[in-house]
Amino acid sequence: MQSALFLAVRHGGRMERGGRRRSEPEEADKGRMKRTIIKDWKARLSYFLQNSSNSNKRKSKKAGKHRNYFKPSPEEAQLWSEAFDELLANKYGLAAFRAFLKSEFCEENIEFWLACEDFKKTKSPQKLTSKAKKIYNDFIEKEAPKEINIDFQTKNMIAQNIQEATHTCFSVAQKRVYSLMENNSYPRFLESEFYQELCKKTPISRAAQGT
């Protein structure tokens, strides 16, 4: 036991449970990996925020409105953990969640959900039919470029429904994808390094406390 402790001290390491030593280089590698992950996240998030901003610029051009999405405060970010809907309702949170799904290679789920939300707002019958076919081609049919994971019966039902498209064509599939994200991806997002960083409160300096 004494020799093990001597070796740990001699090599500048730290003893872990079970006598395993974690060396300083390992700690440094872990820190670099964490920074790389967060940097990659920020790059993806920037991409989705930019796309959202450009989309809203086009939609609000006639009204002369311009929207920017600012980084939320730790308190605002913490609200996202209270309910999945809280996350989806926040533009920055939605972009962050999309970036997370992209890192897990399952961004088709949120893209399908968003396409369905847009579809339900469509008023023109002609546009409703064309959008229904596009959603089917992009997400539903076999070997679609963004094929979602739903059962064969639901796919068949959708194929029949889009022949005479209504606002409820994709309701069953959308609910299933929502449930999949809420029960699987959402908890992992809340545990992710990036989300934890957003929730961190910046320590208040003594000088700031004294003012």
N, C-alpha and C. Protein backbone atom coordinates (compact mmCIF):
# COMPACT_ATOMS: atom_id res chain seq x y z
N MET A 1 0.83 -1.21 0.00
CA MET A 1 0.00 0.00 0.00
C MET A 1 0.86 1.25 0.00
N GLN A 2 1.90 1.24 0.85
CA GLN A 2 2.78 2.40 0.92
C GLN A 2 3.51 2.62 -0.40
N SER A 3 3.92 1.51 -1.07
CA SER A 3 4.62 1.64 -2.35
C SER A 3 3.70 2.20 -3.41
N ALA A 4 2.39 1.84 -3.37
CA ALA A 4 1.44 2.36 -4.36
C ALA A 4 1.26 3.85 -4.20
N LEU A 5 1.16 4.29 -2.93
CA LEU A 5 1.01 5.72 -2.66
C LEU A 5 2.26 6.46 -3.09
N PHE A 6 3.45 5.86 -2.85
CA PHE A 6 4.72 6.48 -3.23
C PHE A 6 4.79 6.67 -4.73
N LEU A 7 4.35 5.65 -5.49
CA LEU A 7 4.38 5.75 -6.96
C LEU A 7 3.44 6.83 -7.45
N ALA A 8 2.26 6.95 -6.81
CA ALA A 8 1.30 7.96 -7.22
C ALA A 8 1.86 9.35 -7.03
N VAL A 9 2.50 9.56 -5.88
CA VAL A 9 3.10 10.87 -5.60
C VAL A 9 4.27 11.15 -6.52
N ARG A 10 5.09 10.13 -6.73
CA ARG A 10 6.29 10.28 -7.55
C ARG A 10 5.95 10.68 -8.98
N HIS A 11 4.91 10.09 -9.53
CA HIS A 11 4.55 10.37 -10.93
C HIS A 11 3.56 11.52 -11.07
N GLY A 12 3.23 12.21 -10.00
CA GLY A 12 2.35 13.38 -10.08
C GLY A 12 0.93 13.01 -10.42
N GLY A 13 0.52 11.76 -10.13
CA GLY A 13 -0.82 11.32 -10.48
C GLY A 13 -1.76 11.43 -9.31
N ARG A 14 -3.02 10.94 -9.56
CA ARG A 14 -4.03 10.98 -8.52
C ARG A 14 -4.67 9.61 -8.42
N MET A 15 -4.80 9.11 -7.20
CA MET A 15 -5.38 7.79 -7.01
C MET A 15 -6.89 7.86 -7.14
N GLU A 16 -7.47 6.85 -7.81
CA GLU A 16 -8.91 6.75 -7.94
C GLU A 16 -9.37 5.54 -7.16
N ARG A 17 -10.68 5.28 -7.18
CA ARG A 17 -11.22 4.10 -6.53
C ARG A 17 -10.63 2.85 -7.19
N GLY A 18 -10.36 1.85 -6.35
CA GLY A 18 -9.80 0.63 -6.88
C GLY A 18 -8.30 0.71 -7.10
N GLY A 19 -7.66 1.80 -6.66
CA GLY A 19 -6.22 1.93 -6.79
C GLY A 19 -5.76 2.40 -8.15
N ARG A 20 -6.69 2.72 -9.07
CA ARG A 20 -6.29 3.16 -10.40
C ARG A 20 -5.86 4.61 -10.34
N ARG A 21 -4.72 4.91 -10.96
CA ARG A 21 -4.18 6.26 -10.94
C ARG A 21 -4.55 7.01 -12.21
N ARG A 22 -5.09 8.20 -12.06
CA ARG A 22 -5.38 9.05 -13.21
C ARG A 22 -4.27 10.09 -13.31
N SER A 23 -3.51 10.04 -14.35
CA SER A 23 -2.37 10.93 -14.50
C SER A 23 -2.80 12.31 -14.94
N GLU A 24 -1.91 13.29 -14.74
CA GLU A 24 -2.19 14.66 -15.16
C GLU A 24 -2.39 14.77 -16.67
N PRO A 25 -1.59 14.04 -17.49
CA PRO A 25 -1.85 14.09 -18.94
C PRO A 25 -3.26 13.63 -19.31
N GLU A 26 -3.79 12.61 -18.58
CA GLU A 26 -5.15 12.14 -18.84
C GLU A 26 -6.16 13.24 -18.52
N GLU A 27 -5.94 13.94 -17.41
CA GLU A 27 -6.82 15.05 -17.03
C GLU A 27 -6.78 16.14 -18.10
N ALA A 28 -5.60 16.43 -18.61
CA ALA A 28 -5.46 17.47 -19.64
C ALA A 28 -6.16 17.06 -20.92
N ASP A 29 -6.03 15.76 -21.29
CA ASP A 29 -6.70 15.25 -22.49
C ASP A 29 -8.21 15.35 -22.35
N LYS A 30 -8.70 15.03 -21.17
CA LYS A 30 -10.13 15.10 -20.92
C LYS A 30 -10.63 16.54 -21.06
N GLY A 31 -9.85 17.49 -20.53
CA GLY A 31 -10.22 18.90 -20.63
C GLY A 31 -10.23 19.38 -22.07
N ARG A 32 -9.23 18.96 -22.85
CA ARG A 32 -9.17 19.35 -24.26
C ARG A 32 -10.34 18.77 -25.05
N MET A 33 -10.69 17.52 -24.73
CA MET A 33 -11.81 16.88 -25.42
C MET A 33 -13.12 17.61 -25.12
N LYS A 34 -13.29 18.01 -23.87
CA LYS A 34 -14.50 18.74 -23.48
C LYS A 34 -14.60 20.05 -24.23
N ARG A 35 -13.47 20.77 -24.32
CA ARG A 35 -13.46 22.05 -25.04
C ARG A 35 -13.75 21.86 -26.52
N THR A 36 -13.23 20.78 -27.09
CA THR A 36 -13.47 20.49 -28.51
C THR A 36 -14.93 20.20 -28.77
N ILE A 37 -15.56 19.41 -27.88
CA ILE A 37 -16.98 19.07 -28.01
C ILE A 37 -17.83 20.33 -27.96
N ILE A 38 -17.54 21.20 -26.98
CA ILE A 38 -18.33 22.43 -26.83
C ILE A 38 -18.12 23.35 -28.03
N LYS A 39 -16.88 23.42 -28.53
CA LYS A 39 -16.59 24.25 -29.70
C LYS A 39 -17.37 23.76 -30.92
N ASP A 40 -17.41 22.44 -31.09
CA ASP A 40 -18.15 21.83 -32.21
C ASP A 40 -19.64 22.12 -32.07
N TRP A 41 -20.14 22.03 -30.86
CA TRP A 41 -21.54 22.35 -30.58
C TRP A 41 -21.86 23.78 -30.97
N LYS A 42 -20.99 24.70 -30.57
CA LYS A 42 -21.22 26.12 -30.85
C LYS A 42 -21.25 26.39 -32.34
N ALA A 43 -20.41 25.68 -33.10
CA ALA A 43 -20.38 25.84 -34.55
C ALA A 43 -21.70 25.39 -35.16
N ARG A 44 -22.21 24.24 -34.70
CA ARG A 44 -23.50 23.75 -35.20
C ARG A 44 -24.64 24.69 -34.80
N LEU A 45 -24.59 25.15 -33.55
CA LEU A 45 -25.63 26.05 -33.06
C LEU A 45 -25.65 27.34 -33.86
N SER A 46 -24.48 27.88 -34.16
CA SER A 46 -24.37 29.10 -34.95
C SER A 46 -25.02 28.91 -36.32
N TYR A 47 -24.81 27.74 -36.90
CA TYR A 47 -25.39 27.43 -38.22
C TYR A 47 -26.92 27.44 -38.15
N PHE A 48 -27.50 26.77 -37.16
CA PHE A 48 -28.95 26.70 -37.05
C PHE A 48 -29.56 28.06 -36.70
N LEU A 49 -28.88 28.83 -35.84
CA LEU A 49 -29.37 30.17 -35.51
C LEU A 49 -29.35 31.08 -36.72
N GLN A 50 -28.29 30.97 -37.52
CA GLN A 50 -28.17 31.78 -38.74
C GLN A 50 -29.28 31.45 -39.71
N ASN A 51 -29.57 30.17 -39.87
CA ASN A 51 -30.64 29.75 -40.78
C ASN A 51 -32.00 30.23 -40.29
N SER A 52 -32.22 30.15 -38.96
CA SER A 52 -33.48 30.62 -38.38
C SER A 52 -33.63 32.12 -38.58
N SER A 53 -32.54 32.84 -38.39
CA SER A 53 -32.55 34.29 -38.55
C SER A 53 -32.86 34.68 -39.98
N ASN A 54 -32.23 34.01 -40.93
CA ASN A 54 -32.47 34.30 -42.35
C ASN A 54 -33.90 34.00 -42.75
N SER A 55 -34.44 32.90 -42.22
CA SER A 55 -35.81 32.51 -42.52
C SER A 55 -36.80 33.54 -42.01
N ASN A 56 -36.57 34.03 -40.78
CA ASN A 56 -37.47 35.02 -40.20
C ASN A 56 -37.32 36.39 -40.86
N LYS A 57 -36.13 36.69 -41.38
CA LYS A 57 -35.94 37.94 -42.10
C LYS A 57 -36.83 37.96 -43.34
N ARG A 58 -36.88 36.80 -44.05
CA ARG A 58 -37.70 36.72 -45.25
C ARG A 58 -39.18 36.83 -44.92
N LYS A 59 -39.59 36.15 -43.82
CA LYS A 59 -41.00 36.15 -43.45
C LYS A 59 -41.48 37.51 -42.96
N SER A 60 -40.58 38.25 -42.29
CA SER A 60 -40.98 39.51 -41.67
C SER A 60 -40.53 40.73 -42.48
N LYS A 61 -40.11 40.52 -43.69
CA LYS A 61 -39.59 41.62 -44.50
C LYS A 61 -40.67 42.67 -44.75
N LYS A 62 -41.88 42.20 -45.06
CA LYS A 62 -42.98 43.13 -45.33
C LYS A 62 -43.36 43.93 -44.10
N ALA A 63 -43.27 43.29 -42.95
CA ALA A 63 -43.64 43.97 -41.71
C ALA A 63 -42.50 44.83 -41.17
N GLY A 64 -41.33 44.69 -41.75
CA GLY A 64 -40.17 45.48 -41.32
C GLY A 64 -39.62 45.04 -39.99
N LYS A 65 -39.86 43.81 -39.63
CA LYS A 65 -39.37 43.30 -38.34
C LYS A 65 -38.04 42.59 -38.51
N HIS A 66 -37.24 42.62 -37.47
CA HIS A 66 -35.95 41.92 -37.49
C HIS A 66 -35.73 41.29 -36.12
N ARG A 67 -35.46 39.99 -36.13
CA ARG A 67 -35.29 39.29 -34.85
C ARG A 67 -33.89 38.70 -34.73
N ASN A 68 -33.31 38.91 -33.57
CA ASN A 68 -32.03 38.28 -33.26
C ASN A 68 -32.24 37.31 -32.10
N TYR A 69 -31.48 36.24 -32.09
CA TYR A 69 -31.60 35.27 -31.02
C TYR A 69 -30.37 35.37 -30.12
N PHE A 70 -30.62 35.84 -28.90
CA PHE A 70 -29.52 36.04 -27.98
C PHE A 70 -29.36 34.82 -27.07
N LYS A 71 -28.13 34.63 -26.63
CA LYS A 71 -27.84 33.53 -25.72
C LYS A 71 -28.66 33.72 -24.45
N PRO A 72 -29.35 32.69 -23.99
CA PRO A 72 -30.19 32.83 -22.80
C PRO A 72 -29.37 32.96 -21.53
N SER A 73 -29.97 33.52 -20.52
CA SER A 73 -29.33 33.56 -19.21
C SER A 73 -29.39 32.15 -18.62
N PRO A 74 -28.54 31.85 -17.62
CA PRO A 74 -28.59 30.53 -16.98
C PRO A 74 -29.98 30.19 -16.46
N GLU A 75 -30.69 31.21 -15.94
CA GLU A 75 -32.03 30.98 -15.41
C GLU A 75 -33.00 30.58 -16.54
N GLU A 76 -32.88 31.25 -17.69
CA GLU A 76 -33.74 30.92 -18.84
C GLU A 76 -33.44 29.52 -19.36
N ALA A 77 -32.16 29.18 -19.43
CA ALA A 77 -31.76 27.85 -19.91
C ALA A 77 -32.26 26.76 -18.98
N GLN A 78 -32.26 27.03 -17.68
CA GLN A 78 -32.71 26.04 -16.71
C GLN A 78 -34.19 25.73 -16.85
N LEU A 79 -34.96 26.68 -17.39
CA LEU A 79 -36.39 26.45 -17.61
C LEU A 79 -36.63 25.34 -18.62
N TRP A 80 -35.67 25.14 -19.53
CA TRP A 80 -35.83 24.10 -20.56
C TRP A 80 -35.90 22.71 -19.95
N SER A 81 -35.36 22.55 -18.75
CA SER A 81 -35.36 21.23 -18.12
C SER A 81 -36.70 20.90 -17.46
N GLU A 82 -37.57 21.90 -17.37
CA GLU A 82 -38.86 21.68 -16.72
C GLU A 82 -39.84 20.93 -17.61
N ALA A 83 -39.75 21.16 -18.92
CA ALA A 83 -40.64 20.48 -19.86
C ALA A 83 -40.05 20.55 -21.26
N PHE A 84 -40.27 19.51 -22.05
CA PHE A 84 -39.76 19.46 -23.42
C PHE A 84 -40.33 20.61 -24.25
N ASP A 85 -41.60 20.94 -24.00
CA ASP A 85 -42.24 22.04 -24.74
C ASP A 85 -41.57 23.38 -24.47
N GLU A 86 -41.04 23.55 -23.26
CA GLU A 86 -40.33 24.79 -22.92
C GLU A 86 -39.10 24.95 -23.82
N LEU A 87 -38.42 23.85 -24.07
CA LEU A 87 -37.24 23.86 -24.92
C LEU A 87 -37.61 24.18 -26.36
N LEU A 88 -38.64 23.51 -26.89
CA LEU A 88 -39.04 23.69 -28.29
C LEU A 88 -39.63 25.08 -28.55
N ALA A 89 -40.21 25.68 -27.53
CA ALA A 89 -40.85 26.99 -27.70
C ALA A 89 -39.83 28.13 -27.74
N ASN A 90 -38.60 27.85 -27.29
CA ASN A 90 -37.55 28.86 -27.28
C ASN A 90 -36.68 28.71 -28.53
N LYS A 91 -36.54 29.78 -29.32
CA LYS A 91 -35.81 29.71 -30.59
C LYS A 91 -34.36 29.27 -30.39
N TYR A 92 -33.71 29.81 -29.38
CA TYR A 92 -32.32 29.45 -29.11
C TYR A 92 -32.25 28.00 -28.63
N GLY A 93 -33.21 27.64 -27.78
CA GLY A 93 -33.26 26.27 -27.27
C GLY A 93 -33.50 25.26 -28.37
N LEU A 94 -34.40 25.60 -29.28
CA LEU A 94 -34.69 24.73 -30.42
C LEU A 94 -33.45 24.53 -31.28
N ALA A 95 -32.74 25.63 -31.54
CA ALA A 95 -31.51 25.54 -32.34
C ALA A 95 -30.46 24.69 -31.63
N ALA A 96 -30.37 24.85 -30.30
CA ALA A 96 -29.41 24.07 -29.52
C ALA A 96 -29.76 22.59 -29.57
N PHE A 97 -31.06 22.28 -29.48
CA PHE A 97 -31.50 20.89 -29.52
C PHE A 97 -31.25 20.28 -30.90
N ARG A 98 -31.46 21.06 -31.95
CA ARG A 98 -31.17 20.58 -33.31
C ARG A 98 -29.68 20.28 -33.47
N ALA A 99 -28.85 21.14 -32.91
CA ALA A 99 -27.40 20.92 -32.96
C ALA A 99 -27.03 19.63 -32.23
N PHE A 100 -27.72 19.39 -31.11
CA PHE A 100 -27.46 18.16 -30.35
C PHE A 100 -27.87 16.93 -31.15
N LEU A 101 -29.05 16.97 -31.77
CA LEU A 101 -29.52 15.83 -32.56
C LEU A 101 -28.60 15.58 -33.75
N LYS A 102 -28.07 16.66 -34.31
CA LYS A 102 -27.14 16.50 -35.43
C LYS A 102 -25.88 15.76 -34.96
N SER A 103 -25.44 16.06 -33.74
CA SER A 103 -24.25 15.38 -33.20
C SER A 103 -24.53 13.90 -32.94
N GLU A 104 -25.81 13.55 -32.78
CA GLU A 104 -26.20 12.15 -32.57
C GLU A 104 -26.70 11.49 -33.86
N PHE A 105 -26.60 12.22 -34.96
CA PHE A 105 -27.01 11.72 -36.27
C PHE A 105 -28.48 11.32 -36.33
N CYS A 106 -29.33 12.09 -35.67
CA CYS A 106 -30.78 11.82 -35.75
C CYS A 106 -31.56 13.13 -35.87
N GLU A 107 -30.98 14.11 -36.56
CA GLU A 107 -31.65 15.40 -36.72
C GLU A 107 -32.91 15.32 -37.56
N GLU A 108 -33.11 14.19 -38.27
CA GLU A 108 -34.31 14.04 -39.10
C GLU A 108 -35.58 14.09 -38.24
N ASN A 109 -35.46 13.71 -36.96
CA ASN A 109 -36.64 13.71 -36.08
C ASN A 109 -37.17 15.12 -35.85
N ILE A 110 -36.29 16.04 -35.48
CA ILE A 110 -36.75 17.42 -35.24
C ILE A 110 -37.12 18.10 -36.55
N GLU A 111 -36.44 17.77 -37.64
CA GLU A 111 -36.77 18.36 -38.94
C GLU A 111 -38.16 17.91 -39.39
N PHE A 112 -38.48 16.65 -39.16
CA PHE A 112 -39.82 16.15 -39.49
C PHE A 112 -40.87 16.84 -38.63
N TRP A 113 -40.60 16.96 -37.34
CA TRP A 113 -41.55 17.60 -36.43
C TRP A 113 -41.80 19.06 -36.85
N LEU A 114 -40.75 19.76 -37.21
CA LEU A 114 -40.89 21.16 -37.65
C LEU A 114 -41.65 21.25 -38.97
N ALA A 115 -41.39 20.32 -39.88
CA ALA A 115 -42.09 20.30 -41.16
C ALA A 115 -43.59 20.08 -40.93
N CYS A 116 -43.93 19.22 -39.98
CA CYS A 116 -45.34 18.96 -39.65
C CYS A 116 -46.00 20.19 -39.03
N GLU A 117 -45.26 20.91 -38.17
CA GLU A 117 -45.79 22.13 -37.58
C GLU A 117 -46.10 23.17 -38.66
N ASP A 118 -45.20 23.30 -39.62
CA ASP A 118 -45.42 24.22 -40.73
C ASP A 118 -46.59 23.75 -41.59
N PHE A 119 -46.67 22.44 -41.82
CA PHE A 119 -47.73 21.86 -42.64
C PHE A 119 -49.11 22.17 -42.06
N LYS A 120 -49.25 22.07 -40.73
CA LYS A 120 -50.54 22.29 -40.08
C LYS A 120 -51.01 23.74 -40.17
N LYS A 121 -50.08 24.66 -40.45
CA LYS A 121 -50.43 26.08 -40.57
C LYS A 121 -50.80 26.47 -42.01
N THR A 122 -50.64 25.54 -42.94
CA THR A 122 -50.89 25.83 -44.36
C THR A 122 -52.38 25.95 -44.62
N LYS A 123 -52.78 27.03 -45.30
CA LYS A 123 -54.19 27.29 -45.55
C LYS A 123 -54.62 26.90 -46.97
N SER A 124 -53.76 27.10 -47.93
CA SER A 124 -54.10 26.80 -49.33
C SER A 124 -54.17 25.29 -49.56
N PRO A 125 -55.28 24.77 -50.11
CA PRO A 125 -55.41 23.33 -50.41
C PRO A 125 -54.33 22.84 -51.38
N GLN A 126 -53.97 23.69 -52.35
CA GLN A 126 -52.94 23.31 -53.32
C GLN A 126 -51.58 23.15 -52.63
N LYS A 127 -51.26 24.12 -51.77
CA LYS A 127 -49.99 24.05 -51.04
C LYS A 127 -49.98 22.89 -50.06
N LEU A 128 -51.15 22.60 -49.49
CA LEU A 128 -51.26 21.50 -48.54
C LEU A 128 -50.89 20.18 -49.22
N THR A 129 -51.39 19.99 -50.43
CA THR A 129 -51.10 18.76 -51.17
C THR A 129 -49.63 18.66 -51.55
N SER A 130 -49.06 19.76 -52.05
CA SER A 130 -47.65 19.74 -52.47
C SER A 130 -46.73 19.55 -51.27
N LYS A 131 -47.06 20.19 -50.13
CA LYS A 131 -46.23 20.03 -48.92
C LYS A 131 -46.33 18.61 -48.37
N ALA A 132 -47.54 18.02 -48.46
CA ALA A 132 -47.74 16.66 -47.97
C ALA A 132 -46.87 15.68 -48.76
N LYS A 133 -46.82 15.86 -50.06
CA LYS A 133 -46.01 14.98 -50.91
C LYS A 133 -44.52 15.16 -50.63
N LYS A 134 -44.13 16.41 -50.39
CA LYS A 134 -42.71 16.67 -50.10
C LYS A 134 -42.29 16.03 -48.78
N ILE A 135 -43.13 16.17 -47.75
CA ILE A 135 -42.84 15.56 -46.46
C ILE A 135 -42.76 14.05 -46.59
N TYR A 136 -43.68 13.49 -47.38
CA TYR A 136 -43.67 12.04 -47.59
C TYR A 136 -42.38 11.61 -48.29
N ASN A 137 -41.99 12.34 -49.32
CA ASN A 137 -40.78 12.00 -50.08
C ASN A 137 -39.51 12.18 -49.26
N ASP A 138 -39.51 13.19 -48.39
CA ASP A 138 -38.31 13.50 -47.60
C ASP A 138 -38.14 12.61 -46.38
N PHE A 139 -39.28 12.25 -45.74
CA PHE A 139 -39.19 11.59 -44.43
C PHE A 139 -39.85 10.22 -44.30
N ILE A 140 -40.83 9.91 -45.15
CA ILE A 140 -41.66 8.74 -44.90
C ILE A 140 -41.34 7.53 -45.79
N GLU A 141 -41.26 7.77 -47.09
CA GLU A 141 -41.12 6.63 -47.99
C GLU A 141 -39.83 5.86 -47.73
N LYS A 142 -39.80 4.62 -48.17
CA LYS A 142 -38.64 3.77 -47.96
C LYS A 142 -37.40 4.36 -48.59
N GLU A 143 -36.31 4.41 -47.82
CA GLU A 143 -35.03 4.96 -48.24
C GLU A 143 -35.12 6.46 -48.59
N ALA A 144 -36.03 7.14 -47.94
CA ALA A 144 -36.12 8.61 -48.09
C ALA A 144 -34.83 9.22 -47.56
N PRO A 145 -34.40 10.39 -48.07
CA PRO A 145 -33.14 10.99 -47.63
C PRO A 145 -33.07 11.28 -46.13
N LYS A 146 -34.25 11.53 -45.50
CA LYS A 146 -34.28 11.80 -44.06
C LYS A 146 -35.29 10.87 -43.38
N GLU A 147 -35.28 9.64 -43.78
CA GLU A 147 -36.30 8.68 -43.32
C GLU A 147 -36.34 8.58 -41.80
N ILE A 148 -37.56 8.74 -41.26
CA ILE A 148 -37.75 8.64 -39.80
C ILE A 148 -38.11 7.20 -39.44
N ASN A 149 -37.93 6.86 -38.18
CA ASN A 149 -38.16 5.50 -37.71
C ASN A 149 -39.58 5.33 -37.20
N ILE A 150 -40.50 4.97 -38.11
CA ILE A 150 -41.88 4.68 -37.72
C ILE A 150 -42.28 3.34 -38.33
N ASP A 151 -43.36 2.76 -37.80
CA ASP A 151 -43.76 1.42 -38.23
C ASP A 151 -44.38 1.41 -39.62
N PHE A 152 -44.42 0.24 -40.21
CA PHE A 152 -44.90 0.04 -41.58
C PHE A 152 -46.36 0.45 -41.74
N GLN A 153 -47.20 0.12 -40.73
CA GLN A 153 -48.62 0.45 -40.81
C GLN A 153 -48.84 1.97 -40.87
N THR A 154 -48.08 2.71 -40.07
CA THR A 154 -48.22 4.18 -40.07
C THR A 154 -47.79 4.75 -41.41
N LYS A 155 -46.73 4.20 -41.98
CA LYS A 155 -46.27 4.66 -43.30
C LYS A 155 -47.34 4.43 -44.35
N ASN A 156 -47.98 3.26 -44.32
CA ASN A 156 -49.03 2.94 -45.28
C ASN A 156 -50.23 3.88 -45.13
N MET A 157 -50.58 4.17 -43.88
CA MET A 157 -51.71 5.06 -43.61
C MET A 157 -51.43 6.45 -44.17
N ILE A 158 -50.19 6.93 -43.99
CA ILE A 158 -49.82 8.25 -44.51
C ILE A 158 -49.87 8.26 -46.03
N ALA A 159 -49.37 7.20 -46.65
CA ALA A 159 -49.38 7.10 -48.12
C ALA A 159 -50.80 7.21 -48.67
N GLN A 160 -51.78 6.64 -47.95
CA GLN A 160 -53.18 6.74 -48.37
C GLN A 160 -53.75 8.13 -48.09
N ASN A 161 -53.39 8.69 -46.94
CA ASN A 161 -53.96 9.98 -46.53
C ASN A 161 -53.52 11.14 -47.43
N ILE A 162 -52.30 11.12 -47.94
CA ILE A 162 -51.82 12.26 -48.73
C ILE A 162 -52.46 12.33 -50.12
N GLN A 163 -53.21 11.28 -50.49
CA GLN A 163 -53.93 11.34 -51.77
C GLN A 163 -54.99 12.44 -51.73
N GLU A 164 -55.57 12.62 -50.56
CA GLU A 164 -56.50 13.73 -50.32
C GLU A 164 -56.04 14.40 -49.03
N ALA A 165 -55.01 15.19 -49.16
CA ALA A 165 -54.31 15.75 -47.99
C ALA A 165 -55.20 16.60 -47.10
N THR A 166 -55.07 16.35 -45.79
CA THR A 166 -55.71 17.19 -44.77
C THR A 166 -54.64 17.55 -43.74
N HIS A 167 -54.97 18.44 -42.82
CA HIS A 167 -54.01 18.89 -41.82
C HIS A 167 -53.60 17.79 -40.84
N THR A 168 -54.34 16.68 -40.85
CA THR A 168 -54.05 15.60 -39.89
C THR A 168 -53.29 14.42 -40.53
N CYS A 169 -52.82 14.60 -41.75
CA CYS A 169 -52.12 13.53 -42.48
C CYS A 169 -50.99 12.88 -41.68
N PHE A 170 -50.23 13.71 -40.98
CA PHE A 170 -49.02 13.23 -40.31
C PHE A 170 -49.13 13.22 -38.78
N SER A 171 -50.36 13.40 -38.27
CA SER A 171 -50.55 13.56 -36.83
C SER A 171 -50.01 12.39 -36.01
N VAL A 172 -50.31 11.16 -36.44
CA VAL A 172 -49.88 9.98 -35.69
C VAL A 172 -48.36 9.88 -35.69
N ALA A 173 -47.77 10.06 -36.88
CA ALA A 173 -46.31 9.97 -36.99
C ALA A 173 -45.63 11.08 -36.20
N GLN A 174 -46.20 12.28 -36.23
CA GLN A 174 -45.60 13.40 -35.50
C GLN A 174 -45.63 13.15 -33.99
N LYS A 175 -46.72 12.59 -33.49
CA LYS A 175 -46.82 12.29 -32.06
C LYS A 175 -45.78 11.25 -31.65
N ARG A 176 -45.56 10.27 -32.50
CA ARG A 176 -44.60 9.21 -32.18
C ARG A 176 -43.17 9.74 -32.18
N VAL A 177 -42.87 10.60 -33.14
CA VAL A 177 -41.53 11.19 -33.21
C VAL A 177 -41.32 12.14 -32.02
N TYR A 178 -42.35 12.88 -31.67
CA TYR A 178 -42.28 13.77 -30.50
C TYR A 178 -41.98 12.96 -29.25
N SER A 179 -42.71 11.85 -29.07
CA SER A 179 -42.52 10.99 -27.90
C SER A 179 -41.11 10.41 -27.88
N LEU A 180 -40.62 10.02 -29.05
CA LEU A 180 -39.26 9.47 -29.15
C LEU A 180 -38.23 10.49 -28.71
N MET A 181 -38.37 11.73 -29.16
CA MET A 181 -37.43 12.78 -28.79
C MET A 181 -37.54 13.11 -27.30
N GLU A 182 -38.78 13.20 -26.81
CA GLU A 182 -39.00 13.57 -25.41
C GLU A 182 -38.43 12.53 -24.44
N ASN A 183 -38.58 11.26 -24.78
CA ASN A 183 -38.18 10.19 -23.87
C ASN A 183 -36.73 9.74 -24.04
N ASN A 184 -36.12 10.06 -25.18
CA ASN A 184 -34.75 9.59 -25.42
C ASN A 184 -33.75 10.74 -25.60
N SER A 185 -33.93 11.54 -26.63
CA SER A 185 -32.95 12.59 -26.94
C SER A 185 -32.97 13.73 -25.93
N TYR A 186 -34.16 14.13 -25.49
CA TYR A 186 -34.28 15.26 -24.57
C TYR A 186 -33.53 15.04 -23.25
N PRO A 187 -33.68 13.88 -22.58
CA PRO A 187 -32.90 13.66 -21.35
C PRO A 187 -31.40 13.70 -21.59
N ARG A 188 -30.95 13.17 -22.72
CA ARG A 188 -29.52 13.19 -23.02
C ARG A 188 -29.04 14.62 -23.30
N PHE A 189 -29.89 15.41 -23.93
CA PHE A 189 -29.56 16.82 -24.16
C PHE A 189 -29.35 17.55 -22.84
N LEU A 190 -30.22 17.30 -21.87
CA LEU A 190 -30.12 17.96 -20.57
C LEU A 190 -28.84 17.57 -19.82
N GLU A 191 -28.30 16.40 -20.14
CA GLU A 191 -27.07 15.94 -19.49
C GLU A 191 -25.82 16.33 -20.29
N SER A 192 -26.00 16.92 -21.46
CA SER A 192 -24.87 17.23 -22.34
C SER A 192 -23.99 18.35 -21.77
N GLU A 193 -22.73 18.34 -22.20
CA GLU A 193 -21.76 19.36 -21.78
C GLU A 193 -22.25 20.76 -22.17
N PHE A 194 -22.78 20.88 -23.37
CA PHE A 194 -23.19 22.19 -23.87
C PHE A 194 -24.32 22.78 -23.03
N TYR A 195 -25.34 21.96 -22.73
CA TYR A 195 -26.45 22.47 -21.92
C TYR A 195 -25.98 22.83 -20.52
N GLN A 196 -25.11 22.01 -19.95
CA GLN A 196 -24.59 22.29 -18.62
C GLN A 196 -23.83 23.62 -18.60
N GLU A 197 -23.12 23.90 -19.70
CA GLU A 197 -22.40 25.17 -19.81
C GLU A 197 -23.37 26.35 -19.83
N LEU A 198 -24.48 26.20 -20.55
CA LEU A 198 -25.48 27.27 -20.63
C LEU A 198 -26.09 27.57 -19.25
N CYS A 199 -26.19 26.55 -18.44
CA CYS A 199 -26.83 26.70 -17.12
C CYS A 199 -25.87 27.21 -16.04
N LYS A 200 -24.59 27.25 -16.36
CA LYS A 200 -23.61 27.71 -15.38
C LYS A 200 -23.76 29.20 -15.12
N LYS A 201 -23.77 29.54 -13.84
CA LYS A 201 -23.82 30.95 -13.47
C LYS A 201 -22.41 31.49 -13.30
N THR A 202 -22.16 32.64 -13.89
CA THR A 202 -20.83 33.26 -13.78
C THR A 202 -20.64 33.77 -12.36
N PRO A 203 -19.54 33.37 -11.71
CA PRO A 203 -19.27 33.84 -10.33
C PRO A 203 -19.19 35.36 -10.27
N ILE A 204 -19.85 35.93 -9.28
CA ILE A 204 -19.82 37.39 -9.11
C ILE A 204 -18.56 37.78 -8.34
N SER A 205 -17.80 38.69 -8.91
CA SER A 205 -16.56 39.11 -8.26
C SER A 205 -16.86 39.95 -7.01
N ARG A 206 -15.89 40.05 -6.13
CA ARG A 206 -16.08 40.84 -4.92
C ARG A 206 -16.31 42.31 -5.23
N ALA A 207 -15.63 42.81 -6.28
CA ALA A 207 -15.79 44.22 -6.67
C ALA A 207 -17.21 44.48 -7.09
N ALA A 208 -17.80 43.52 -7.85
CA ALA A 208 -19.19 43.68 -8.30
C ALA A 208 -20.16 43.61 -7.14
N GLN A 209 -19.86 42.73 -6.15
CA GLN A 209 -20.72 42.59 -4.99
C GLN A 209 -20.74 43.85 -4.13
N GLY A 210 -19.62 44.57 -4.14
CA GLY A 210 -19.50 45.76 -3.30
C GLY A 210 -20.16 46.99 -3.87
N THR A 211 -20.58 46.93 -5.19
CA THR A 211 -21.20 48.10 -5.81
C THR A 211 -22.70 48.11 -5.59
